[in-house]
N, C-alpha and C. Protein backbone atom coordinates (compact mmCIF):
# COMPACT_ATOMS: atom_id res chain seq x y z
N UNK A 1 375.17 198.47 37.24
CA UNK A 1 374.70 199.85 37.44
C UNK A 1 374.11 200.35 36.14
N UNK A 2 372.90 200.90 36.24
CA UNK A 2 372.26 201.50 35.07
C UNK A 2 372.46 203.00 35.14
N UNK A 3 372.58 203.62 34.01
CA UNK A 3 372.72 205.08 34.01
C UNK A 3 371.89 205.65 32.87
N UNK A 4 371.62 206.94 33.00
CA UNK A 4 370.88 207.67 31.98
C UNK A 4 371.51 209.06 31.87
N UNK A 5 371.54 209.59 30.68
CA UNK A 5 372.08 210.93 30.45
C UNK A 5 370.91 211.88 30.23
N UNK A 6 370.86 212.95 31.00
CA UNK A 6 369.73 213.88 30.91
C UNK A 6 370.06 215.12 30.08
N UNK A 7 371.18 215.10 29.36
CA UNK A 7 371.57 216.28 28.57
C UNK A 7 370.60 216.55 27.43
N UNK A 8 370.05 215.51 26.81
CA UNK A 8 369.15 215.68 25.68
C UNK A 8 367.98 214.71 25.81
N UNK A 9 367.12 214.93 26.81
CA UNK A 9 366.03 213.97 27.07
C UNK A 9 364.93 214.03 26.02
N UNK A 10 364.21 212.93 25.89
CA UNK A 10 363.01 212.90 25.04
C UNK A 10 361.81 213.18 25.93
N UNK A 11 361.21 214.35 25.78
CA UNK A 11 360.10 214.76 26.63
C UNK A 11 358.79 214.21 26.12
N UNK A 12 357.92 213.86 27.06
CA UNK A 12 356.56 213.43 26.77
C UNK A 12 355.62 214.54 27.21
N UNK A 13 354.70 214.91 26.33
CA UNK A 13 353.69 215.91 26.66
C UNK A 13 352.34 215.22 26.70
N UNK A 14 351.57 215.45 27.76
CA UNK A 14 350.25 214.84 27.91
C UNK A 14 349.23 215.72 27.18
N UNK A 15 348.57 215.20 26.14
CA UNK A 15 347.61 216.02 25.40
C UNK A 15 346.40 216.44 26.24
N UNK A 16 346.18 215.79 27.38
CA UNK A 16 345.05 216.15 28.24
C UNK A 16 345.37 217.28 29.21
N UNK A 17 346.64 217.70 29.30
CA UNK A 17 346.99 218.80 30.21
C UNK A 17 346.36 220.09 29.70
N UNK A 18 345.71 220.86 30.58
CA UNK A 18 345.07 222.10 30.14
C UNK A 18 346.10 223.21 29.92
N UNK A 19 345.68 224.22 29.20
CA UNK A 19 346.52 225.40 28.97
C UNK A 19 346.99 225.94 30.31
N UNK A 20 348.26 226.28 30.38
CA UNK A 20 348.86 226.77 31.61
C UNK A 20 349.62 225.70 32.35
N UNK A 21 349.37 224.42 32.00
CA UNK A 21 350.02 223.30 32.67
C UNK A 21 350.58 222.30 31.65
N UNK A 22 351.08 222.81 30.55
CA UNK A 22 351.60 221.95 29.48
C UNK A 22 353.12 221.89 29.52
N UNK A 23 353.62 221.07 30.40
CA UNK A 23 355.06 220.88 30.54
C UNK A 23 355.44 219.48 30.06
N UNK A 24 356.60 219.38 29.43
CA UNK A 24 357.11 218.09 29.00
C UNK A 24 357.78 217.38 30.16
N UNK A 25 357.70 216.06 30.18
CA UNK A 25 358.31 215.28 31.26
C UNK A 25 359.26 214.23 30.69
N UNK A 26 360.34 214.01 31.41
CA UNK A 26 361.26 212.91 31.17
C UNK A 26 361.48 212.25 32.52
N UNK A 27 360.70 211.20 32.79
CA UNK A 27 360.79 210.49 34.07
C UNK A 27 361.80 209.36 33.90
N UNK A 28 362.85 209.41 34.69
CA UNK A 28 363.90 208.42 34.48
C UNK A 28 364.28 207.60 35.70
N UNK A 29 363.63 207.82 36.84
CA UNK A 29 363.95 207.03 38.02
C UNK A 29 363.82 205.54 37.78
N UNK A 30 362.71 205.13 37.19
CA UNK A 30 362.49 203.71 36.91
C UNK A 30 363.46 203.15 35.90
N UNK A 31 363.94 203.99 34.98
CA UNK A 31 364.89 203.54 33.96
C UNK A 31 366.22 203.10 34.57
N UNK A 32 366.54 203.63 35.75
CA UNK A 32 367.80 203.25 36.40
C UNK A 32 367.56 202.31 37.58
N UNK A 33 366.31 201.90 37.77
CA UNK A 33 366.00 200.92 38.80
C UNK A 33 365.50 201.47 40.12
N UNK A 34 365.25 202.77 40.20
CA UNK A 34 364.76 203.36 41.46
C UNK A 34 363.37 202.83 41.78
N UNK A 35 363.15 202.52 43.06
CA UNK A 35 361.84 202.05 43.51
C UNK A 35 361.18 203.03 44.47
N UNK A 36 361.96 203.68 45.32
CA UNK A 36 361.40 204.54 46.37
C UNK A 36 361.69 206.01 46.19
N UNK A 37 362.35 206.34 45.10
CA UNK A 37 362.60 207.75 44.78
C UNK A 37 362.28 207.96 43.31
N UNK A 38 362.02 209.20 42.96
CA UNK A 38 361.72 209.53 41.58
C UNK A 38 362.47 210.77 41.16
N UNK A 39 362.80 210.83 39.88
CA UNK A 39 363.49 211.99 39.35
C UNK A 39 362.95 212.26 37.96
N UNK A 40 362.61 213.52 37.72
CA UNK A 40 362.01 213.91 36.45
C UNK A 40 362.65 215.21 35.99
N UNK A 41 362.97 215.28 34.69
CA UNK A 41 363.35 216.55 34.07
C UNK A 41 362.10 217.08 33.39
N UNK A 42 361.76 218.33 33.70
CA UNK A 42 360.62 218.98 33.08
C UNK A 42 361.10 220.05 32.12
N UNK A 43 360.44 220.13 30.97
CA UNK A 43 360.65 221.25 30.05
C UNK A 43 359.38 222.09 30.10
N UNK A 44 359.52 223.34 30.52
CA UNK A 44 358.37 224.21 30.73
C UNK A 44 358.38 225.29 29.65
N UNK A 45 357.47 225.23 28.68
CA UNK A 45 357.41 226.27 27.65
C UNK A 45 356.98 227.61 28.26
N UNK A 46 357.21 228.71 27.55
CA UNK A 46 356.77 230.02 28.04
C UNK A 46 355.27 230.01 28.36
N UNK A 47 354.92 230.60 29.50
CA UNK A 47 353.52 230.72 29.91
C UNK A 47 352.94 229.47 30.55
N UNK A 48 353.73 228.43 30.73
CA UNK A 48 353.23 227.18 31.29
C UNK A 48 353.84 226.93 32.67
N UNK A 49 353.31 225.94 33.37
CA UNK A 49 353.87 225.53 34.66
C UNK A 49 353.82 224.01 34.75
N UNK A 50 354.53 223.48 35.74
CA UNK A 50 354.59 222.02 35.89
C UNK A 50 353.25 221.49 36.38
N UNK A 51 352.74 222.03 37.45
CA UNK A 51 351.48 221.56 38.03
C UNK A 51 350.94 222.65 38.94
N UNK A 52 349.71 222.49 39.41
CA UNK A 52 349.15 223.50 40.31
C UNK A 52 349.93 223.62 41.62
N UNK A 53 349.76 224.75 42.27
CA UNK A 53 350.35 225.02 43.58
C UNK A 53 349.91 223.92 44.53
N UNK A 54 350.88 223.28 45.22
CA UNK A 54 350.56 222.12 46.05
C UNK A 54 351.65 221.89 47.08
N UNK A 55 351.34 220.98 48.00
CA UNK A 55 352.37 220.45 48.89
C UNK A 55 352.12 218.97 49.12
N UNK A 56 353.19 218.27 49.40
CA UNK A 56 353.13 216.86 49.72
C UNK A 56 352.93 216.70 51.22
N UNK A 57 352.15 215.73 51.63
CA UNK A 57 351.92 215.50 53.05
C UNK A 57 353.11 214.80 53.70
N UNK A 58 353.73 213.86 52.99
CA UNK A 58 354.82 213.09 53.60
C UNK A 58 356.13 213.12 52.81
N UNK A 59 356.07 213.43 51.53
CA UNK A 59 357.26 213.37 50.69
C UNK A 59 358.09 214.65 50.74
N UNK A 60 359.40 214.47 50.67
CA UNK A 60 360.31 215.60 50.47
C UNK A 60 360.55 215.73 48.97
N UNK A 61 360.69 216.98 48.51
CA UNK A 61 360.97 217.23 47.10
C UNK A 61 362.13 218.21 46.96
N UNK A 62 362.88 218.05 45.88
CA UNK A 62 363.98 218.94 45.53
C UNK A 62 363.75 219.46 44.13
N UNK A 63 364.23 220.66 43.86
CA UNK A 63 364.21 221.25 42.52
C UNK A 63 365.61 221.76 42.20
N UNK A 64 366.07 221.52 40.98
CA UNK A 64 367.33 222.06 40.48
C UNK A 64 367.05 222.67 39.12
N UNK A 65 367.37 223.96 38.96
CA UNK A 65 367.18 224.64 37.68
C UNK A 65 368.33 224.25 36.76
N UNK A 66 367.98 223.71 35.59
CA UNK A 66 368.99 223.32 34.61
C UNK A 66 369.21 224.40 33.55
N UNK A 67 368.10 224.92 33.01
CA UNK A 67 368.15 225.92 31.94
C UNK A 67 367.05 226.94 32.18
N UNK A 68 367.36 228.21 32.04
CA UNK A 68 366.35 229.26 32.11
C UNK A 68 366.16 229.82 33.50
N UNK A 69 365.12 230.64 33.62
CA UNK A 69 364.83 231.35 34.86
C UNK A 69 363.35 231.20 35.23
N UNK A 70 363.01 230.09 35.88
CA UNK A 70 361.61 229.88 36.26
C UNK A 70 361.23 230.75 37.45
N UNK A 71 359.93 230.94 37.60
CA UNK A 71 359.39 231.61 38.77
C UNK A 71 358.90 230.55 39.73
N UNK A 72 359.31 230.69 40.98
CA UNK A 72 358.90 229.75 42.02
C UNK A 72 357.90 230.46 42.93
N UNK A 73 356.73 229.85 43.09
CA UNK A 73 355.73 230.34 44.05
C UNK A 73 355.81 229.47 45.29
N UNK A 74 355.92 230.09 46.45
CA UNK A 74 355.94 229.41 47.75
C UNK A 74 354.99 230.16 48.68
N UNK A 75 354.81 229.69 49.91
CA UNK A 75 353.94 230.41 50.85
C UNK A 75 354.40 231.85 51.12
N UNK A 76 355.66 232.16 50.86
CA UNK A 76 356.16 233.52 51.11
C UNK A 76 356.09 234.42 49.89
N UNK A 77 355.60 233.91 48.76
CA UNK A 77 355.48 234.73 47.55
C UNK A 77 356.14 234.10 46.35
N UNK A 78 356.46 234.96 45.36
CA UNK A 78 357.08 234.50 44.12
C UNK A 78 358.48 235.07 44.01
N UNK A 79 359.38 234.27 43.44
CA UNK A 79 360.72 234.75 43.16
C UNK A 79 361.25 234.04 41.92
N UNK A 80 362.11 234.76 41.20
CA UNK A 80 362.72 234.16 40.01
C UNK A 80 363.98 233.41 40.40
N UNK A 81 364.11 232.20 39.88
CA UNK A 81 365.28 231.38 40.13
C UNK A 81 366.25 231.50 38.96
N UNK A 82 367.50 231.19 39.22
CA UNK A 82 368.56 231.26 38.22
C UNK A 82 369.05 229.85 37.90
N UNK A 83 369.73 229.66 36.76
CA UNK A 83 370.30 228.35 36.46
C UNK A 83 371.18 227.85 37.60
N UNK A 84 370.99 226.59 37.94
CA UNK A 84 371.71 225.86 38.98
C UNK A 84 371.28 226.23 40.40
N UNK A 85 370.24 227.06 40.56
CA UNK A 85 369.64 227.23 41.88
C UNK A 85 368.99 225.90 42.26
N UNK A 86 369.06 225.57 43.53
CA UNK A 86 368.43 224.35 44.04
C UNK A 86 367.57 224.73 45.24
N UNK A 87 366.39 224.13 45.31
CA UNK A 87 365.43 224.44 46.37
C UNK A 87 364.90 223.14 46.95
N UNK A 88 364.74 223.11 48.26
CA UNK A 88 364.18 221.96 48.97
C UNK A 88 362.78 222.30 49.45
N UNK A 89 361.83 221.37 49.26
CA UNK A 89 360.45 221.54 49.71
C UNK A 89 360.14 220.48 50.76
N UNK A 90 360.02 220.89 52.04
CA UNK A 90 359.70 219.91 53.08
C UNK A 90 358.24 219.48 52.98
N UNK A 91 357.89 218.36 53.58
CA UNK A 91 356.49 217.96 53.61
C UNK A 91 355.66 218.99 54.37
N UNK A 92 354.39 219.10 54.02
CA UNK A 92 353.48 219.99 54.73
C UNK A 92 353.35 221.35 54.09
N UNK A 93 352.49 222.21 54.66
CA UNK A 93 352.18 223.51 54.08
C UNK A 93 353.40 224.40 53.85
N UNK A 94 354.43 224.29 54.69
CA UNK A 94 355.63 225.11 54.48
C UNK A 94 356.35 224.77 53.19
N UNK A 95 356.11 223.59 52.64
CA UNK A 95 356.75 223.17 51.41
C UNK A 95 355.91 223.38 50.16
N UNK A 96 354.81 224.11 50.27
CA UNK A 96 353.95 224.35 49.12
C UNK A 96 354.72 225.08 48.03
N UNK A 97 354.44 224.70 46.77
CA UNK A 97 355.18 225.31 45.67
C UNK A 97 354.48 225.10 44.33
N UNK A 98 354.84 225.96 43.40
CA UNK A 98 354.49 225.82 41.99
C UNK A 98 355.65 226.40 41.21
N UNK A 99 355.96 225.82 40.05
CA UNK A 99 357.06 226.26 39.22
C UNK A 99 356.48 226.69 37.88
N UNK A 100 356.68 227.97 37.55
CA UNK A 100 356.09 228.57 36.36
C UNK A 100 357.17 229.14 35.46
N UNK A 101 356.87 229.24 34.18
CA UNK A 101 357.77 229.90 33.25
C UNK A 101 357.14 231.19 32.76
N UNK A 102 357.57 232.32 33.32
CA UNK A 102 357.07 233.62 32.91
C UNK A 102 357.98 234.32 31.92
N UNK A 103 358.93 233.57 31.33
CA UNK A 103 359.87 234.17 30.37
C UNK A 103 359.47 233.80 28.94
N UNK A 104 360.25 234.28 27.99
CA UNK A 104 360.00 233.97 26.57
C UNK A 104 360.81 232.78 26.08
N UNK A 105 361.58 232.17 26.95
CA UNK A 105 362.44 231.05 26.59
C UNK A 105 362.01 229.79 27.36
N UNK A 106 362.23 228.61 26.80
CA UNK A 106 361.93 227.38 27.55
C UNK A 106 362.78 227.28 28.82
N UNK A 107 362.22 226.63 29.81
CA UNK A 107 362.89 226.39 31.09
C UNK A 107 362.98 224.89 31.29
N UNK A 108 364.10 224.43 31.87
CA UNK A 108 364.22 223.02 32.25
C UNK A 108 364.62 222.95 33.71
N UNK A 109 363.90 222.11 34.44
CA UNK A 109 364.21 221.87 35.85
C UNK A 109 364.21 220.37 36.10
N UNK A 110 364.95 219.97 37.11
CA UNK A 110 364.97 218.59 37.56
C UNK A 110 364.30 218.57 38.93
N UNK A 111 363.35 217.67 39.10
CA UNK A 111 362.71 217.48 40.40
C UNK A 111 363.03 216.06 40.87
N UNK A 112 363.32 215.95 42.17
CA UNK A 112 363.69 214.69 42.78
C UNK A 112 362.89 214.55 44.08
N UNK A 113 362.37 213.35 44.35
CA UNK A 113 361.59 213.19 45.58
C UNK A 113 361.49 211.73 45.98
N UNK A 114 360.98 211.54 47.21
CA UNK A 114 360.52 210.22 47.61
C UNK A 114 359.42 209.88 46.60
N UNK A 115 359.18 208.63 46.38
CA UNK A 115 358.14 208.28 45.41
C UNK A 115 357.62 206.88 45.70
N UNK A 116 356.77 206.80 46.70
CA UNK A 116 356.18 205.49 46.99
C UNK A 116 354.79 205.69 47.58
N UNK A 117 353.85 204.93 47.07
CA UNK A 117 352.52 205.04 47.65
C UNK A 117 352.47 204.42 49.03
N UNK A 118 351.56 204.83 49.86
CA UNK A 118 350.57 205.85 49.55
C UNK A 118 351.16 207.25 49.63
N UNK A 119 350.64 208.11 48.79
CA UNK A 119 351.08 209.51 48.78
C UNK A 119 349.85 210.41 48.79
N UNK A 120 349.98 211.51 49.50
CA UNK A 120 348.87 212.47 49.60
C UNK A 120 349.42 213.86 49.27
N UNK A 121 348.70 214.57 48.43
CA UNK A 121 349.10 215.90 47.99
C UNK A 121 347.92 216.84 48.21
N UNK A 122 348.19 218.05 48.71
CA UNK A 122 347.14 219.03 48.99
C UNK A 122 347.31 220.21 48.04
N UNK A 123 346.20 220.66 47.45
CA UNK A 123 346.17 221.79 46.51
C UNK A 123 345.40 222.94 47.16
N UNK A 124 346.09 223.86 47.84
CA UNK A 124 345.39 224.91 48.59
C UNK A 124 344.50 225.82 47.74
N UNK A 125 344.89 226.13 46.50
CA UNK A 125 344.09 227.05 45.68
C UNK A 125 342.72 226.49 45.33
N UNK A 126 342.65 225.19 45.07
CA UNK A 126 341.39 224.57 44.66
C UNK A 126 340.76 223.75 45.78
N UNK A 127 341.41 223.70 46.93
CA UNK A 127 340.93 222.97 48.10
C UNK A 127 340.69 221.49 47.80
N UNK A 128 341.65 220.92 47.04
CA UNK A 128 341.59 219.50 46.70
C UNK A 128 342.66 218.73 47.48
N UNK A 129 342.43 217.43 47.55
CA UNK A 129 343.43 216.50 48.06
C UNK A 129 343.58 215.41 47.01
N UNK A 130 344.83 215.11 46.65
CA UNK A 130 345.12 214.02 45.73
C UNK A 130 345.65 212.84 46.54
N UNK A 131 345.13 211.66 46.26
CA UNK A 131 345.55 210.46 46.97
C UNK A 131 346.03 209.45 45.94
N UNK A 132 347.26 208.95 46.12
CA UNK A 132 347.80 207.91 45.26
C UNK A 132 348.08 206.69 46.13
N UNK A 133 347.26 205.67 45.98
CA UNK A 133 347.42 204.45 46.77
C UNK A 133 348.30 203.44 46.05
N UNK A 134 348.66 203.75 44.80
CA UNK A 134 349.39 202.78 43.99
C UNK A 134 348.44 201.90 43.18
N UNK A 135 347.14 202.08 43.38
CA UNK A 135 346.12 201.32 42.66
C UNK A 135 345.11 202.30 42.08
N UNK A 136 344.92 202.26 40.77
CA UNK A 136 344.08 203.23 40.08
C UNK A 136 342.65 203.28 40.60
N UNK A 137 342.09 202.13 41.00
CA UNK A 137 340.69 202.11 41.42
C UNK A 137 340.46 202.73 42.80
N UNK A 138 341.52 203.00 43.54
CA UNK A 138 341.34 203.64 44.86
C UNK A 138 342.23 204.88 45.00
N UNK A 139 342.58 205.51 43.90
CA UNK A 139 343.34 206.77 43.90
C UNK A 139 342.51 207.84 43.21
N UNK A 140 342.83 209.09 43.46
CA UNK A 140 342.13 210.16 42.78
C UNK A 140 342.30 211.49 43.49
N UNK A 141 341.60 212.50 42.96
CA UNK A 141 341.58 213.84 43.53
C UNK A 141 340.19 214.11 44.08
N UNK A 142 340.14 214.73 45.26
CA UNK A 142 338.87 214.91 45.95
C UNK A 142 338.81 216.32 46.53
N UNK A 143 337.64 216.94 46.42
CA UNK A 143 337.43 218.23 47.08
C UNK A 143 337.33 218.01 48.57
N UNK A 144 337.99 218.84 49.33
CA UNK A 144 337.91 218.69 50.79
C UNK A 144 336.48 218.92 51.29
N UNK A 145 335.70 219.72 50.56
CA UNK A 145 334.32 219.99 50.97
C UNK A 145 333.44 218.74 50.86
N UNK A 146 333.91 217.69 50.17
CA UNK A 146 333.12 216.46 50.06
C UNK A 146 333.36 215.52 51.23
N UNK A 147 334.05 216.01 52.24
CA UNK A 147 334.37 215.19 53.42
C UNK A 147 333.09 214.61 54.03
N UNK A 148 333.16 213.36 54.43
CA UNK A 148 332.04 212.69 55.09
C UNK A 148 332.51 212.16 56.44
N UNK A 149 331.57 211.81 57.27
CA UNK A 149 331.89 211.24 58.57
C UNK A 149 332.51 209.86 58.45
N UNK A 150 333.24 209.47 59.45
CA UNK A 150 333.96 208.19 59.45
C UNK A 150 333.03 207.01 59.19
N UNK A 151 331.82 207.02 59.74
CA UNK A 151 330.89 205.91 59.58
C UNK A 151 329.90 206.09 58.45
N UNK A 152 330.03 207.13 57.65
CA UNK A 152 329.13 207.38 56.52
C UNK A 152 329.09 206.15 55.60
N UNK A 153 327.88 205.63 55.32
CA UNK A 153 327.70 204.53 54.40
C UNK A 153 327.98 203.16 54.98
N UNK A 154 328.42 203.09 56.23
CA UNK A 154 328.73 201.79 56.85
C UNK A 154 327.43 201.17 57.38
N UNK A 155 327.38 199.87 57.45
CA UNK A 155 326.20 199.19 58.00
C UNK A 155 326.58 198.34 59.19
């Protein structure tokens, strides 16, 4: 059995993340041997969020507040969460969410989900769809307005 302690994680920050989405990540599912689930601790600095408002098409997601009071945006609006609050996000539009830090203190949350390609994520604010096939050359984010017919380009 492999184990990991999340009390003092080493966070990774992606220098390419734009302002407003600069959260640190500690992805540890693979460190303990997980193949079909994922778990990440996020550190969200003041004024930042984990990722844009979105929902998963097939995956279930969970959130557990570890430290601080993040703001959760869902289809019903925004609400402030408290330490040790836990929230479940079902697949589909009813599970849409974004986690933001509107306080002056860092926030830490743990997110847990299914994690196996193919995966599809919808971003209602920007009208994008993200597709993860597990292969970089056939994954990406696409505007829904770029939709083409089923036989487009076929011969």
